[in-house]
Amino acid sequence: MKNPILKFAGLNALGTALYVALVASLVFYAPHIFGPEEKDTVLIPIAMLLLFVLSASVTSLLVLGRPVLWYLDGKKKDAVSLLLATLGFLFLITFFAFLKLALFAR
């Protein structure tokens, strides 16, 4: 890819999608990995909130990290372009995920 903005945007979006898939798989398979849930334990909501905070931090870093650095370095136009391109790639990944669900889930 000749355009570095599109390369970085694609990598950011792909990294975010892979991270989301990893977290979703962990949540989906948690009963198989950790066994049946314990009754009346505060650890489950604590773990889920910690996972939420970690996920927000990781995805923020993947989506906003480089654009913020570029913006602070004075590359404002490139920073905005990278952010919009990353969001565009994320939209495409999300669209195709829902399309696959709609077409092949039956």
PDB file of N, CA and C in Angstrom:
ATOM      1  N   MET A   1       0.847  -1.173   0.000  1.00  0.00           N
ATOM      2  CA  MET A   1       0.000   0.000   0.000  1.00  0.00           C
ATOM      3  C   MET A   1       0.896   1.242   0.000  1.00  0.00           C
ATOM      4  N   LYS A   2       0.658   2.127  -0.939  1.00  0.00           N
ATOM      5  CA  LYS A   2       1.521   3.291  -1.062  1.00  0.00           C
ATOM      6  C   LYS A   2       1.175   4.384  -0.052  1.00  0.00           C
ATOM      7  N   ASN A   3      -0.092   4.503   0.301  1.00  0.00           N
ATOM      8  CA  ASN A   3      -0.520   5.547   1.218  1.00  0.00           C
ATOM      9  C   ASN A   3      -0.337   5.072   2.662  1.00  0.00           C
ATOM     10  N   PRO A   4       0.582   5.695   3.414  1.00  0.00           N
ATOM     11  CA  PRO A   4       0.817   5.228   4.792  1.00  0.00           C
ATOM     12  C   PRO A   4      -0.393   5.433   5.703  1.00  0.00           C
ATOM     13  N   ILE A   5      -1.222   6.415   5.399  1.00  0.00           N
ATOM     14  CA  ILE A   5      -2.412   6.640   6.224  1.00  0.00           C
ATOM     15  C   ILE A   5      -3.349   5.442   6.107  1.00  0.00           C
ATOM     16  N   LEU A   6      -3.565   4.956   4.887  1.00  0.00           N
ATOM     17  CA  LEU A   6      -4.441   3.794   4.708  1.00  0.00           C
ATOM     18  C   LEU A   6      -3.834   2.543   5.325  1.00  0.00           C
ATOM     19  N   LYS A   7      -2.504   2.416   5.255  1.00  0.00           N
ATOM     20  CA  LYS A   7      -1.838   1.261   5.871  1.00  0.00           C
ATOM     21  C   LYS A   7      -2.031   1.279   7.381  1.00  0.00           C
ATOM     22  N   PHE A   8      -1.766   2.422   7.999  1.00  0.00           N
ATOM     23  CA  PHE A   8      -1.933   2.530   9.453  1.00  0.00           C
ATOM     24  C   PHE A   8      -3.398   2.363   9.853  1.00  0.00           C
ATOM     25  N   ALA A   9      -4.307   2.939   9.066  1.00  0.00           N
ATOM     26  CA  ALA A   9      -5.736   2.827   9.375  1.00  0.00           C
ATOM     27  C   ALA A   9      -6.187   1.370   9.304  1.00  0.00           C
ATOM     28  N   GLY A  10      -5.743   0.662   8.282  1.00  0.00           N
ATOM     29  CA  GLY A  10      -6.094  -0.755   8.161  1.00  0.00           C
ATOM     30  C   GLY A  10      -5.533  -1.575   9.302  1.00  0.00           C
ATOM     31  N   LEU A  11      -4.293  -1.313   9.671  1.00  0.00           N
ATOM     32  CA  LEU A  11      -3.691  -2.050  10.790  1.00  0.00           C
ATOM     33  C   LEU A  11      -4.385  -1.723  12.111  1.00  0.00           C
ATOM     34  N   ASN A  12      -4.714  -0.446  12.328  1.00  0.00           N
ATOM     35  CA  ASN A  12      -5.421  -0.061  13.553  1.00  0.00           C
ATOM     36  C   ASN A  12      -6.781  -0.742  13.633  1.00  0.00           C
ATOM     37  N   ALA A  13      -7.530  -0.720  12.530  1.00  0.00           N
ATOM     38  CA  ALA A  13      -8.859  -1.328  12.510  1.00  0.00           C
ATOM     39  C   ALA A  13      -8.771  -2.842  12.669  1.00  0.00           C
ATOM     40  N   LEU A  14      -7.816  -3.459  11.997  1.00  0.00           N
ATOM     41  CA  LEU A  14      -7.657  -4.909  12.108  1.00  0.00           C
ATOM     42  C   LEU A  14      -7.247  -5.302  13.528  1.00  0.00           C
ATOM     43  N   GLY A  15      -6.319  -4.549  14.123  1.00  0.00           N
ATOM     44  CA  GLY A  15      -5.923  -4.817  15.503  1.00  0.00           C
ATOM     45  C   GLY A  15      -7.085  -4.665  16.467  1.00  0.00           C
ATOM     46  N   THR A  16      -7.902  -3.647  16.247  1.00  0.00           N
ATOM     47  CA  THR A  16      -9.076  -3.445  17.093  1.00  0.00           C
ATOM     48  C   THR A  16     -10.069  -4.581  16.925  1.00  0.00           C
ATOM     49  N   ALA A  17     -10.320  -4.992  15.684  1.00  0.00           N
ATOM     50  CA  ALA A  17     -11.253  -6.087  15.430  1.00  0.00           C
ATOM     51  C   ALA A  17     -10.746  -7.392  16.048  1.00  0.00           C
ATOM     52  N   LEU A  18      -9.458  -7.653  15.945  1.00  0.00           N
ATOM     53  CA  LEU A  18      -8.900  -8.871  16.539  1.00  0.00           C
ATOM     54  C   LEU A  18      -8.995  -8.834  18.062  1.00  0.00           C
ATOM     55  N   TYR A  19      -8.740  -7.677  18.651  1.00  0.00           N
ATOM     56  CA  TYR A  19      -8.859  -7.550  20.104  1.00  0.00           C
ATOM     57  C   TYR A  19     -10.303  -7.772  20.547  1.00  0.00           C
ATOM     58  N   VAL A  20     -11.247  -7.172  19.830  1.00  0.00           N
ATOM     59  CA  VAL A  20     -12.664  -7.351  20.157  1.00  0.00           C
ATOM     60  C   VAL A  20     -13.053  -8.815  20.028  1.00  0.00           C
ATOM     61  N   ALA A  21     -12.575  -9.485  18.979  1.00  0.00           N
ATOM     62  CA  ALA A  21     -12.876 -10.905  18.798  1.00  0.00           C
ATOM     63  C   ALA A  21     -12.292 -11.733  19.946  1.00  0.00           C
ATOM     64  N   LEU A  22     -11.110 -11.386  20.396  1.00  0.00           N
ATOM     65  CA  LEU A  22     -10.483 -12.094  21.519  1.00  0.00           C
ATOM     66  C   LEU A  22     -11.296 -11.917  22.801  1.00  0.00           C
ATOM     67  N   VAL A  23     -11.699 -10.688  23.097  1.00  0.00           N
ATOM     68  CA  VAL A  23     -12.477 -10.420  24.317  1.00  0.00           C
ATOM     69  C   VAL A  23     -13.846 -11.090  24.228  1.00  0.00           C
ATOM     70  N   ALA A  24     -14.492 -11.005  23.064  1.00  0.00           N
ATOM     71  CA  ALA A  24     -15.808 -11.639  22.903  1.00  0.00           C
ATOM     72  C   ALA A  24     -15.698 -13.151  23.049  1.00  0.00           C
ATOM     73  N   SER A  25     -14.639 -13.733  22.518  1.00  0.00           N
ATOM     74  CA  SER A  25     -14.430 -15.176  22.667  1.00  0.00           C
ATOM     75  C   SER A  25     -14.202 -15.547  24.130  1.00  0.00           C
ATOM     76  N   LEU A  26     -13.452 -14.722  24.841  1.00  0.00           N
ATOM     77  CA  LEU A  26     -13.227 -14.970  26.270  1.00  0.00           C
ATOM     78  C   LEU A  26     -14.543 -14.949  27.038  1.00  0.00           C
ATOM     79  N   VAL A  27     -15.376 -13.947  26.761  1.00  0.00           N
ATOM     80  CA  VAL A  27     -16.662 -13.843  27.451  1.00  0.00           C
ATOM     81  C   VAL A  27     -17.569 -15.010  27.064  1.00  0.00           C
ATOM     82  N   PHE A  28     -17.569 -15.393  25.792  1.00  0.00           N
ATOM     83  CA  PHE A  28     -18.422 -16.479  25.323  1.00  0.00           C
ATOM     84  C   PHE A  28     -18.019 -17.819  25.935  1.00  0.00           C
ATOM     85  N   TYR A  29     -16.711 -18.067  25.985  1.00  0.00           N
ATOM     86  CA  TYR A  29     -16.225 -19.360  26.473  1.00  0.00           C
ATOM     87  C   TYR A  29     -15.888 -19.361  27.968  1.00  0.00           C
ATOM     88  N   ALA A  30     -16.130 -18.262  28.656  1.00  0.00           N
ATOM     89  CA  ALA A  30     -15.789 -18.171  30.084  1.00  0.00           C
ATOM     90  C   ALA A  30     -16.392 -19.295  30.920  1.00  0.00           C
ATOM     91  N   PRO A  31     -17.662 -19.674  30.732  1.00  0.00           N
ATOM     92  CA  PRO A  31     -18.193 -20.773  31.552  1.00  0.00           C
ATOM     93  C   PRO A  31     -17.458 -22.096  31.324  1.00  0.00           C
ATOM     94  N   HIS A  32     -16.982 -22.314  30.102  1.00  0.00           N
ATOM     95  CA  HIS A  32     -16.231 -23.540  29.819  1.00  0.00           C
ATOM     96  C   HIS A  32     -14.813 -23.472  30.385  1.00  0.00           C
ATOM     97  N   ILE A  33     -14.239 -22.275  30.394  1.00  0.00           N
ATOM     98  CA  ILE A  33     -12.869 -22.113  30.876  1.00  0.00           C
ATOM     99  C   ILE A  33     -12.818 -22.103  32.398  1.00  0.00           C
ATOM    100  N   PHE A  34     -13.709 -21.329  33.006  1.00  0.00           N
ATOM    101  CA  PHE A  34     -13.653 -21.125  34.447  1.00  0.00           C
ATOM    102  C   PHE A  34     -14.628 -22.001  35.230  1.00  0.00           C
ATOM    103  N   GLY A  35     -15.450 -22.749  34.541  1.00  0.00           N
ATOM    104  CA  GLY A  35     -16.426 -23.589  35.213  1.00  0.00           C
ATOM    105  C   GLY A  35     -17.694 -22.811  35.507  1.00  0.00           C
ATOM    106  N   PRO A  36     -18.653 -23.478  36.154  1.00  0.00           N
ATOM    107  CA  PRO A  36     -19.919 -22.786  36.455  1.00  0.00           C
ATOM    108  C   PRO A  36     -19.691 -21.621  37.403  1.00  0.00           C
ATOM    109  N   GLU A  37     -20.555 -20.618  37.262  1.00  0.00           N
ATOM    110  CA  GLU A  37     -20.378 -19.415  38.086  1.00  0.00           C
ATOM    111  C   GLU A  37     -20.694 -19.702  39.546  1.00  0.00           C
ATOM    112  N   GLU A  38     -19.975 -19.009  40.370  1.00  0.00           N
ATOM    113  CA  GLU A  38     -20.195 -19.113  41.818  1.00  0.00           C
ATOM    114  C   GLU A  38     -21.418 -18.283  42.186  1.00  0.00           C
ATOM    115  N   LYS A  39     -22.138 -18.724  43.186  1.00  0.00           N
ATOM    116  CA  LYS A  39     -23.293 -17.953  43.636  1.00  0.00           C
ATOM    117  C   LYS A  39     -22.835 -16.842  44.571  1.00  0.00           C
ATOM    118  N   ASP A  40     -23.505 -15.722  44.456  1.00  0.00           N
ATOM    119  CA  ASP A  40     -23.296 -14.589  45.367  1.00  0.00           C
ATOM    120  C   ASP A  40     -21.828 -14.195  45.522  1.00  0.00           C
ATOM    121  N   THR A  41     -21.134 -14.004  44.410  1.00  0.00           N
ATOM    122  CA  THR A  41     -19.752 -13.537  44.473  1.00  0.00           C
ATOM    123  C   THR A  41     -19.645 -12.175  43.800  1.00  0.00           C
ATOM    124  N   VAL A  42     -18.879 -11.304  44.390  1.00  0.00           N
ATOM    125  CA  VAL A  42     -18.681  -9.971  43.850  1.00  0.00           C
ATOM    126  C   VAL A  42     -17.567  -9.975  42.791  1.00  0.00           C
ATOM    127  N   LEU A  43     -16.848 -11.063  42.663  1.00  0.00           N
ATOM    128  CA  LEU A  43     -15.722 -11.111  41.734  1.00  0.00           C
ATOM    129  C   LEU A  43     -16.150 -11.029  40.275  1.00  0.00           C
ATOM    130  N   ILE A  44     -17.311 -11.561  39.931  1.00  0.00           N
ATOM    131  CA  ILE A  44     -17.746 -11.527  38.533  1.00  0.00           C
ATOM    132  C   ILE A  44     -17.974 -10.084  38.066  1.00  0.00           C
ATOM    133  N   PRO A  45     -18.761  -9.265  38.782  1.00  0.00           N
ATOM    134  CA  PRO A  45     -18.911  -7.881  38.306  1.00  0.00           C
ATOM    135  C   PRO A  45     -17.604  -7.087  38.348  1.00  0.00           C
ATOM    136  N   ILE A  46     -16.749  -7.383  39.326  1.00  0.00           N
ATOM    137  CA  ILE A  46     -15.449  -6.697  39.380  1.00  0.00           C
ATOM    138  C   ILE A  46     -14.627  -7.059  38.153  1.00  0.00           C
ATOM    139  N   ALA A  47     -14.572  -8.342  37.834  1.00  0.00           N
ATOM    140  CA  ALA A  47     -13.801  -8.786  36.666  1.00  0.00           C
ATOM    141  C   ALA A  47     -14.363  -8.199  35.376  1.00  0.00           C
ATOM    142  N   MET A  48     -15.677  -8.139  35.249  1.00  0.00           N
ATOM    143  CA  MET A  48     -16.284  -7.598  34.030  1.00  0.00           C
ATOM    144  C   MET A  48     -16.023  -6.093  33.896  1.00  0.00           C
ATOM    145  N   LEU A  49     -16.093  -5.371  35.005  1.00  0.00           N
ATOM    146  CA  LEU A  49     -15.800  -3.934  34.939  1.00  0.00           C
ATOM    147  C   LEU A  49     -14.326  -3.679  34.632  1.00  0.00           C
ATOM    148  N   LEU A  50     -13.446  -4.485  35.203  1.00  0.00           N
ATOM    149  CA  LEU A  50     -12.022  -4.351  34.882  1.00  0.00           C
ATOM    150  C   LEU A  50     -11.764  -4.668  33.412  1.00  0.00           C
ATOM    151  N   LEU A  51     -12.439  -5.690  32.897  1.00  0.00           N
ATOM    152  CA  LEU A  51     -12.312  -6.031  31.478  1.00  0.00           C
ATOM    153  C   LEU A  51     -12.828  -4.881  30.610  1.00  0.00           C
ATOM    154  N   PHE A  52     -13.916  -4.255  31.036  1.00  0.00           N
ATOM    155  CA  PHE A  52     -14.463  -3.110  30.298  1.00  0.00           C
ATOM    156  C   PHE A  52     -13.462  -1.951  30.263  1.00  0.00           C
ATOM    157  N   VAL A  53     -12.869  -1.635  31.399  1.00  0.00           N
ATOM    158  CA  VAL A  53     -11.899  -0.534  31.472  1.00  0.00           C
ATOM    159  C   VAL A  53     -10.663  -0.858  30.628  1.00  0.00           C
ATOM    160  N   LEU A  54     -10.171  -2.085  30.745  1.00  0.00           N
ATOM    161  CA  LEU A  54      -9.023  -2.503  29.935  1.00  0.00           C
ATOM    162  C   LEU A  54      -9.347  -2.419  28.449  1.00  0.00           C
ATOM    163  N   SER A  55     -10.520  -2.901  28.069  1.00  0.00           N
ATOM    164  CA  SER A  55     -10.907  -2.880  26.659  1.00  0.00           C
ATOM    165  C   SER A  55     -11.054  -1.458  26.138  1.00  0.00           C
ATOM    166  N   ALA A  56     -11.637  -0.585  26.927  1.00  0.00           N
ATOM    167  CA  ALA A  56     -11.752   0.812  26.504  1.00  0.00           C
ATOM    168  C   ALA A  56     -10.372   1.431  26.310  1.00  0.00           C
ATOM    169  N   SER A  57      -9.443   1.102  27.188  1.00  0.00           N
ATOM    170  CA  SER A  57      -8.081   1.642  27.081  1.00  0.00           C
ATOM    171  C   SER A  57      -7.366   1.097  25.848  1.00  0.00           C
ATOM    172  N   VAL A  58      -7.452  -0.198  25.633  1.00  0.00           N
ATOM    173  CA  VAL A  58      -6.754  -0.821  24.491  1.00  0.00           C
ATOM    174  C   VAL A  58      -7.332  -0.317  23.173  1.00  0.00           C
ATOM    175  N   THR A  59      -8.659  -0.316  23.052  1.00  0.00           N
ATOM    176  CA  THR A  59      -9.248   0.126  21.790  1.00  0.00           C
ATOM    177  C   THR A  59      -9.034   1.627  21.566  1.00  0.00           C
ATOM    178  N   SER A  60      -9.033   2.410  22.634  1.00  0.00           N
ATOM    179  CA  SER A  60      -8.726   3.837  22.484  1.00  0.00           C
ATOM    180  C   SER A  60      -7.305   4.030  21.978  1.00  0.00           C
ATOM    181  N   LEU A  61      -6.394   3.264  22.519  1.00  0.00           N
ATOM    182  CA  LEU A  61      -5.006   3.349  22.075  1.00  0.00           C
ATOM    183  C   LEU A  61      -4.887   2.944  20.603  1.00  0.00           C
ATOM    184  N   LEU A  62      -5.559   1.867  20.218  1.00  0.00           N
ATOM    185  CA  LEU A  62      -5.476   1.403  18.834  1.00  0.00           C
ATOM    186  C   LEU A  62      -6.097   2.396  17.848  1.00  0.00           C
ATOM    187  N   VAL A  63      -7.217   2.988  18.225  1.00  0.00           N
ATOM    188  CA  VAL A  63      -7.918   3.883  17.302  1.00  0.00           C
ATOM    189  C   VAL A  63      -7.378   5.311  17.371  1.00  0.00           C
ATOM    190  N   LEU A  64      -7.079   5.794  18.570  1.00  0.00           N
ATOM    191  CA  LEU A  64      -6.731   7.201  18.744  1.00  0.00           C
ATOM    192  C   LEU A  64      -5.249   7.483  18.967  1.00  0.00           C
ATOM    193  N   GLY A  65      -4.465   6.465  19.275  1.00  0.00           N
ATOM    194  CA  GLY A  65      -3.074   6.684  19.659  1.00  0.00           C
ATOM    195  C   GLY A  65      -2.260   7.449  18.644  1.00  0.00           C
ATOM    196  N   ARG A  66      -2.123   6.904  17.454  1.00  0.00           N
ATOM    197  CA  ARG A  66      -1.308   7.559  16.435  1.00  0.00           C
ATOM    198  C   ARG A  66      -1.914   8.881  15.954  1.00  0.00           C
ATOM    199  N   PRO A  67      -3.240   8.964  15.746  1.00  0.00           N
ATOM    200  CA  PRO A  67      -3.786  10.270  15.355  1.00  0.00           C
ATOM    201  C   PRO A  67      -3.520  11.376  16.383  1.00  0.00           C
ATOM    202  N   VAL A  68      -3.598  11.053  17.659  1.00  0.00           N
ATOM    203  CA  VAL A  68      -3.324  12.069  18.679  1.00  0.00           C
ATOM    204  C   VAL A  68      -1.852  12.491  18.624  1.00  0.00           C
ATOM    205  N   LEU A  69      -0.952  11.503  18.481  1.00  0.00           N
ATOM    206  CA  LEU A  69       0.474  11.846  18.370  1.00  0.00           C
ATOM    207  C   LEU A  69       0.745  12.711  17.147  1.00  0.00           C
ATOM    208  N   TRP A  70       0.155  12.335  16.009  1.00  0.00           N
ATOM    209  CA  TRP A  70       0.343  13.129  14.800  1.00  0.00           C
ATOM    210  C   TRP A  70      -0.228  14.536  14.980  1.00  0.00           C
ATOM    211  N   TYR A  71      -1.396  14.636  15.614  1.00  0.00           N
ATOM    212  CA  TYR A  71      -2.014  15.942  15.837  1.00  0.00           C
ATOM    213  C   TYR A  71      -1.114  16.817  16.700  1.00  0.00           C
ATOM    214  N   LEU A  72      -0.572  16.244  17.764  1.00  0.00           N
ATOM    215  CA  LEU A  72       0.313  17.003  18.649  1.00  0.00           C
ATOM    216  C   LEU A  72       1.627  17.369  17.977  1.00  0.00           C
ATOM    217  N   ASP A  73       2.054  16.583  16.983  1.00  0.00           N
ATOM    218  CA  ASP A  73       3.271  16.893  16.229  1.00  0.00           C
ATOM    219  C   ASP A  73       3.026  17.917  15.123  1.00  0.00           C
ATOM    220  N   GLY A  74       1.793  18.390  14.999  1.00  0.00           N
ATOM    221  CA  GLY A  74       1.493  19.400  13.996  1.00  0.00           C
ATOM    222  C   GLY A  74       0.975  18.851  12.682  1.00  0.00           C
ATOM    223  N   LYS A  75       0.826  17.543  12.576  1.00  0.00           N
ATOM    224  CA  LYS A  75       0.306  16.928  11.350  1.00  0.00           C
ATOM    225  C   LYS A  75      -1.208  16.775  11.473  1.00  0.00           C
ATOM    226  N   LYS A  76      -1.889  17.904  11.612  1.00  0.00           N
ATOM    227  CA  LYS A  76      -3.319  17.886  11.933  1.00  0.00           C
ATOM    228  C   LYS A  76      -4.155  17.267  10.821  1.00  0.00           C
ATOM    229  N   LYS A  77      -3.876  17.603   9.587  1.00  0.00           N
ATOM    230  CA  LYS A  77      -4.658  17.063   8.467  1.00  0.00           C
ATOM    231  C   LYS A  77      -4.469  15.554   8.371  1.00  0.00           C
ATOM    232  N   ASP A  78      -3.227  15.092   8.492  1.00  0.00           N
ATOM    233  CA  ASP A  78      -2.962  13.648   8.447  1.00  0.00           C
ATOM    234  C   ASP A  78      -3.604  12.927   9.624  1.00  0.00           C
ATOM    235  N   ALA A  79      -3.599  13.562  10.794  1.00  0.00           N
ATOM    236  CA  ALA A  79      -4.188  12.950  11.982  1.00  0.00           C
ATOM    237  C   ALA A  79      -5.685  12.738  11.803  1.00  0.00           C
ATOM    238  N   VAL A  80      -6.367  13.748  11.304  1.00  0.00           N
ATOM    239  CA  VAL A  80      -7.812  13.634  11.085  1.00  0.00           C
ATOM    240  C   VAL A  80      -8.093  12.608   9.990  1.00  0.00           C
ATOM    241  N   SER A  81      -7.285  12.621   8.938  1.00  0.00           N
ATOM    242  CA  SER A  81      -7.459  11.638   7.861  1.00  0.00           C
ATOM    243  C   SER A  81      -7.275  10.217   8.379  1.00  0.00           C
ATOM    244  N   LEU A  82      -6.262  10.008   9.222  1.00  0.00           N
ATOM    245  CA  LEU A  82      -6.018   8.682   9.777  1.00  0.00           C
ATOM    246  C   LEU A  82      -7.173   8.244  10.661  1.00  0.00           C
ATOM    247  N   LEU A  83      -7.663   9.131  11.496  1.00  0.00           N
ATOM    248  CA  LEU A  83      -8.785   8.786  12.370  1.00  0.00           C
ATOM    249  C   LEU A  83     -10.019   8.419  11.549  1.00  0.00           C
ATOM    250  N   LEU A  84     -10.334   9.217  10.547  1.00  0.00           N
ATOM    251  CA  LEU A  84     -11.504   8.937   9.713  1.00  0.00           C
ATOM    252  C   LEU A  84     -11.329   7.659   8.899  1.00  0.00           C
ATOM    253  N   ALA A  85     -10.123   7.417   8.400  1.00  0.00           N
ATOM    254  CA  ALA A  85      -9.874   6.183   7.648  1.00  0.00           C
ATOM    255  C   ALA A  85      -9.973   4.959   8.558  1.00  0.00           C
ATOM    256  N   THR A  86      -9.460   5.070   9.782  1.00  0.00           N
ATOM    257  CA  THR A  86      -9.577   3.962  10.741  1.00  0.00           C
ATOM    258  C   THR A  86     -11.033   3.673  11.041  1.00  0.00           C
ATOM    259  N   LEU A  87     -11.815   4.715  11.280  1.00  0.00           N
ATOM    260  CA  LEU A  87     -13.246   4.527  11.537  1.00  0.00           C
ATOM    261  C   LEU A  87     -13.948   3.956  10.309  1.00  0.00           C
ATOM    262  N   GLY A  88     -13.516   4.355   9.132  1.00  0.00           N
ATOM    263  CA  GLY A  88     -14.080   3.780   7.907  1.00  0.00           C
ATOM    264  C   GLY A  88     -13.804   2.290   7.792  1.00  0.00           C
ATOM    265  N   PHE A  89     -12.559   1.898   8.061  1.00  0.00           N
ATOM    266  CA  PHE A  89     -12.222   0.471   8.038  1.00  0.00           C
ATOM    267  C   PHE A  89     -12.999  -0.296   9.106  1.00  0.00           C
ATOM    268  N   LEU A  90     -13.137   0.288  10.297  1.00  0.00           N
ATOM    269  CA  LEU A  90     -13.919  -0.366  11.347  1.00  0.00           C
ATOM    270  C   LEU A  90     -15.380  -0.516  10.927  1.00  0.00           C
ATOM    271  N   PHE A  91     -15.915   0.491  10.253  1.00  0.00           N
ATOM    272  CA  PHE A  91     -17.279   0.393   9.748  1.00  0.00           C
ATOM    273  C   PHE A  91     -17.397  -0.763   8.757  1.00  0.00           C
ATOM    274  N   LEU A  92     -16.439  -0.878   7.846  1.00  0.00           N
ATOM    275  CA  LEU A  92     -16.482  -1.964   6.857  1.00  0.00           C
ATOM    276  C   LEU A  92     -16.401  -3.334   7.519  1.00  0.00           C
ATOM    277  N   ILE A  93     -15.512  -3.476   8.494  1.00  0.00           N
ATOM    278  CA  ILE A  93     -15.388  -4.743   9.206  1.00  0.00           C
ATOM    279  C   ILE A  93     -16.701  -5.078   9.920  1.00  0.00           C
ATOM    280  N   THR A  94     -17.289  -4.075  10.564  1.00  0.00           N
ATOM    281  CA  THR A  94     -18.557  -4.278  11.268  1.00  0.00           C
ATOM    282  C   THR A  94     -19.678  -4.612  10.288  1.00  0.00           C
ATOM    283  N   PHE A  95     -19.723  -3.910   9.170  1.00  0.00           N
ATOM    284  CA  PHE A  95     -20.738  -4.160   8.158  1.00  0.00           C
ATOM    285  C   PHE A  95     -20.650  -5.595   7.643  1.00  0.00           C
ATOM    286  N   PHE A  96     -19.445  -6.040   7.327  1.00  0.00           N
ATOM    287  CA  PHE A  96     -19.294  -7.400   6.800  1.00  0.00           C
ATOM    288  C   PHE A  96     -19.573  -8.461   7.868  1.00  0.00           C
ATOM    289  N   ALA A  97     -19.306  -8.158   9.114  1.00  0.00           N
ATOM    290  CA  ALA A  97     -19.642  -9.096  10.191  1.00  0.00           C
ATOM    291  C   ALA A  97     -21.158  -9.256  10.289  1.00  0.00           C
ATOM    292  N   PHE A  98     -21.884  -8.150  10.246  1.00  0.00           N
ATOM    293  CA  PHE A  98     -23.345  -8.231  10.293  1.00  0.00           C
ATOM    294  C   PHE A  98     -23.914  -8.855   9.018  1.00  0.00           C
ATOM    295  N   LEU A  99     -23.299  -8.567   7.889  1.00  0.00           N
ATOM    296  CA  LEU A  99     -23.736  -9.177   6.631  1.00  0.00           C
ATOM    297  C   LEU A  99     -23.578 -10.689   6.685  1.00  0.00           C
ATOM    298  N   LYS A 100     -22.451 -11.152   7.215  1.00  0.00           N
ATOM    299  CA  LYS A 100     -22.241 -12.589   7.365  1.00  0.00           C
ATOM    300  C   LYS A 100     -23.285 -13.190   8.292  1.00  0.00           C
ATOM    301  N   LEU A 101     -23.576 -12.508   9.397  1.00  0.00           N
ATOM    302  CA  LEU A 101     -24.611 -12.990  10.317  1.00  0.00           C
ATOM    303  C   LEU A 101     -25.962 -13.072   9.615  1.00  0.00           C
ATOM    304  N   ALA A 102     -26.298 -12.060   8.851  1.00  0.00           N
ATOM    305  CA  ALA A 102     -27.596 -12.020   8.188  1.00  0.00           C
ATOM    306  C   ALA A 102     -27.726 -13.077   7.098  1.00  0.00           C
ATOM    307  N   LEU A 103     -26.648 -13.316   6.365  1.00  0.00           N
ATOM    308  CA  LEU A 103     -26.726 -14.217   5.222  1.00  0.00           C
ATOM    309  C   LEU A 103     -26.495 -15.683   5.578  1.00  0.00           C
ATOM    310  N   PHE A 104     -25.635 -15.940   6.533  1.00  0.00           N
ATOM    311  CA  PHE A 104     -25.214 -17.319   6.777  1.00  0.00           C
ATOM    312  C   PHE A 104     -25.652 -17.884   8.112  1.00  0.00           C
ATOM    313  N   ALA A 105     -26.387 -17.125   8.912  1.00  0.00           N
ATOM    314  CA  ALA A 105     -26.782 -17.619  10.229  1.00  0.00           C
ATOM    315  C   ALA A 105     -27.977 -18.552  10.163  1.00  0.00           C
ATOM    316  N   ARG A 106     -28.614 -18.664   9.047  1.00  0.00           N
ATOM    317  CA  ARG A 106     -29.815 -19.506   8.933  1.00  0.00           C
ATOM    318  C   ARG A 106     -29.518 -20.886   8.547  1.00  0.00           C
TER     319      ARG A 106
END
